[in-house]
Protein backbone atom coordinates (compact mmCIF):
# COMPACT_ATOMS: atom_id res chain seq x y z
CA UNK A 1 105.36 240.33 -83.90
CA UNK A 2 103.27 240.80 -86.79
CA UNK A 3 106.10 241.97 -89.19
CA UNK A 4 109.71 241.14 -89.90
CA UNK A 5 110.52 244.83 -88.51
CA UNK A 6 109.10 244.24 -85.29
CA UNK A 7 111.10 240.92 -85.21
CA UNK A 8 114.48 242.41 -86.13
CA UNK A 9 113.85 245.25 -83.80
CA UNK A 10 114.24 242.60 -80.95
CA UNK A 11 117.41 241.26 -82.43
CA UNK A 12 120.77 242.14 -82.63
CA UNK A 13 122.35 242.33 -86.13
CA UNK A 14 125.68 241.13 -86.09
CA UNK A 15 127.70 239.71 -89.42
CA UNK A 16 124.24 239.17 -91.44
CA UNK A 17 122.67 237.41 -88.43
CA UNK A 18 119.69 238.60 -86.41
CA UNK A 19 120.34 237.25 -83.09
CA UNK A 20 117.18 237.18 -81.05
CA UNK A 21 117.48 239.10 -77.73
CA UNK A 22 113.97 237.79 -76.27
CA UNK A 23 112.52 234.38 -74.73
CA UNK A 24 114.57 231.21 -75.94
CA UNK A 25 113.05 227.56 -75.88
CA UNK A 26 114.76 224.93 -73.79
CA UNK A 27 116.87 223.89 -76.74
CA UNK A 28 118.13 227.51 -77.44
CA UNK A 29 116.22 228.47 -80.39
CA UNK A 30 113.88 231.70 -80.26
CA UNK A 31 110.44 231.67 -78.83
CA UNK A 32 108.46 234.58 -80.61
CA UNK A 33 104.71 235.15 -80.48
CA UNK A 34 103.91 235.47 -84.26
CA UNK A 35 100.99 234.66 -86.75
CA UNK A 36 100.88 230.77 -87.09
CA UNK A 37 99.34 229.86 -90.51
CA UNK A 38 99.95 226.45 -90.34
CA UNK A 39 97.81 225.44 -87.15
CA UNK A 40 95.93 228.30 -86.07
CA UNK A 41 94.76 230.17 -89.16
CA UNK A 42 97.07 233.11 -88.70
CA UNK A 43 96.19 233.71 -85.17
CA UNK A 44 99.12 234.93 -83.11
CA UNK A 45 100.54 232.25 -81.04
CA UNK A 46 104.12 231.14 -79.21
CA UNK A 47 106.14 229.46 -81.71
CA UNK A 48 109.74 228.44 -82.86
CA UNK A 49 111.79 231.81 -84.03
CA UNK A 50 112.41 230.18 -87.65
CA UNK A 51 109.00 229.07 -88.28
CA UNK A 52 107.90 232.62 -86.63
CA UNK A 53 109.89 234.27 -89.18
CA UNK A 54 108.74 231.93 -92.07
CA UNK A 55 105.10 232.40 -91.49
CA UNK A 56 105.67 236.28 -91.06
CA UNK A 57 107.72 236.67 -94.32
CA UNK A 58 105.40 234.26 -96.29
CA UNK A 59 101.88 234.74 -94.89
CA UNK A 60 100.97 231.25 -95.72
CA UNK A 61 101.07 227.80 -93.97
CA UNK A 62 103.98 225.35 -94.30
CA UNK A 63 103.23 222.83 -96.65
CA UNK A 64 102.30 219.32 -95.57
CA UNK A 65 105.50 217.01 -95.16
CA UNK A 66 107.93 220.19 -95.48
CA UNK A 67 110.19 221.44 -92.80
CA UNK A 68 111.29 225.19 -91.64
CA UNK A 69 114.68 225.53 -90.22
CA UNK A 70 117.93 227.93 -90.06
CA UNK A 71 120.53 227.32 -92.65
CA UNK A 72 123.27 229.06 -90.71
CA UNK A 73 125.11 227.83 -87.50
CA UNK A 74 123.58 230.80 -85.10
CA UNK A 75 120.71 228.98 -83.02
CA UNK A 76 119.23 232.26 -82.32
CA UNK A 77 119.36 233.91 -85.86
CA UNK A 78 116.31 235.06 -87.07
CA UNK A 79 117.07 236.66 -90.53
CA UNK A 80 114.67 235.51 -93.25
CA UNK A 81 117.68 235.24 -95.80
CA UNK A 82 118.88 232.29 -93.36
CA UNK A 83 115.36 230.52 -93.07
CA UNK A 84 114.60 227.97 -95.38
CA UNK A 85 111.58 225.73 -95.95
CA UNK A 86 111.98 222.43 -97.82
CA UNK A 87 110.63 218.96 -97.81
CA UNK A 88 111.99 216.43 -95.60
CA UNK A 89 113.56 214.53 -97.96
CA UNK A 90 115.51 217.88 -99.05
CA UNK A 91 116.56 218.47 -95.34
CA UNK A 92 117.85 215.32 -94.86
CA UNK A 93 120.01 215.78 -98.03
CA UNK A 94 121.03 219.19 -96.46
CA UNK A 95 122.05 217.57 -93.26
CA UNK A 96 124.30 214.84 -95.01
CA UNK A 97 125.88 217.61 -96.94
CA UNK A 98 126.73 219.83 -94.31
CA UNK A 99 127.51 217.12 -91.81
CA UNK A 100 125.79 219.32 -89.16
CA UNK A 101 124.97 216.55 -86.95
CA UNK A 102 128.17 214.53 -87.42
CA UNK A 103 129.92 213.54 -84.15
CA UNK A 104 127.54 215.12 -81.77
CA UNK A 105 127.08 212.46 -78.81
CA UNK A 106 123.66 212.48 -78.37
CA UNK A 107 122.71 211.97 -82.13
CA UNK A 108 125.09 209.16 -82.28
CA UNK A 109 123.45 207.72 -79.15
CA UNK A 110 119.88 208.18 -80.03
CA UNK A 111 120.56 206.64 -83.58
CA UNK A 112 121.96 203.50 -81.94
CA UNK A 113 119.35 203.00 -79.53
CA UNK A 114 117.00 203.63 -82.46
CA UNK A 115 118.59 200.79 -84.10
CA UNK A 116 118.76 198.58 -81.34
CA UNK A 117 114.90 198.94 -80.73
CA UNK A 118 114.48 198.32 -84.41
CA UNK A 119 116.69 195.07 -84.58
CA UNK A 120 115.84 193.66 -81.00
CA UNK A 121 114.70 190.15 -80.45
CA UNK A 122 113.16 188.64 -77.32
CA UNK A 123 115.59 186.33 -75.36
CA UNK A 124 113.23 183.60 -76.48
CA UNK A 125 113.79 184.44 -80.09
CA UNK A 126 117.45 184.88 -79.61
CA UNK A 127 117.49 181.15 -78.32
CA UNK A 128 115.15 180.03 -81.13
CA UNK A 129 117.82 181.68 -83.73
CA UNK A 130 120.73 180.21 -82.04
CA UNK A 131 119.24 176.60 -82.07
CA UNK A 132 117.39 176.63 -85.51
CA UNK A 133 118.49 174.64 -88.33
CA UNK A 134 116.84 177.11 -90.81
CA UNK A 135 118.83 179.31 -93.23
CA UNK A 136 119.19 182.97 -92.16
CA UNK A 137 116.90 184.14 -94.87
CA UNK A 138 114.07 181.89 -93.86
CA UNK A 139 114.64 182.86 -90.24
CA UNK A 140 114.57 186.42 -90.96
CA UNK A 141 111.77 186.22 -93.03
CA UNK A 142 109.83 184.53 -90.02
CA UNK A 143 110.66 186.80 -87.41
CA UNK A 144 110.33 190.22 -89.02
CA UNK A 145 113.85 191.23 -89.05
CA UNK A 146 116.63 191.75 -91.95
CA UNK A 147 119.14 188.97 -92.82
CA UNK A 148 122.27 191.18 -91.60
CA UNK A 149 120.52 191.65 -88.16
CA UNK A 150 120.02 188.00 -87.92
CA UNK A 151 123.59 187.33 -88.67
CA UNK A 152 124.84 189.55 -85.68
CA UNK A 153 122.67 187.79 -83.28
CA UNK A 154 124.25 184.19 -84.69
CA UNK A 155 127.89 186.06 -84.54
CA UNK A 156 126.93 187.38 -81.08
CA UNK A 157 127.65 190.68 -81.99
CA UNK A 158 124.61 192.16 -80.66
CA UNK A 159 125.56 193.53 -77.12
CA UNK A 160 122.11 194.49 -75.50
CA UNK A 161 119.08 191.63 -75.30
CA UNK A 162 116.46 192.60 -73.02
CA UNK A 163 116.59 190.01 -70.14
CA UNK A 164 113.42 187.93 -70.11
CA UNK A 165 112.76 188.29 -66.14
CA UNK A 166 114.21 191.52 -65.26
CA UNK A 167 117.65 193.16 -64.97
CA UNK A 168 119.09 190.75 -62.29
CA UNK A 169 117.03 187.63 -63.17
CA UNK A 170 119.86 185.61 -64.60
CA UNK A 171 121.83 186.26 -61.29
CA UNK A 172 119.08 184.76 -59.10
CA UNK A 173 118.38 182.03 -61.42
CA UNK A 174 122.08 181.23 -61.35
CA UNK A 175 122.60 181.32 -57.68
CA UNK A 176 119.95 178.80 -56.95
CA UNK A 177 120.71 176.26 -59.81
């Protein structure tokens, strides 16, 4: 697809949306063969629909640190009026304002998992924190975690601490003692 008219020709126009009738990516977004000025110097390659539409409409690369995304609720929409290209910061503000991902279980679980990975202390570190007489601020600086995270560990509010010797190590050690 070298022009917007070719892209529009593969779509069903409904309520101002250009709904793509061609191939879809695993996440349900359009997969369009179009010029890519960001990674391939304008050669035709298969890419995400919104990106393909933006490249075709503008004929230039997406600026470094910017994101191309659809601003409507239709995943398969290829209308250039519904495609935005903004900085990552503006994209994050748009997500917060529109509450686009609010209440989506996959997003909530992914966010929690990221938080646990960032805040996780090893079992030996947890034992050190629990037995130490140092202040929370001193321990947080020493271990490289936030004081709030350290406080949660001391209060026992961190539910998942990876076991030291594997998933069943506590059961095996408890049975022999």
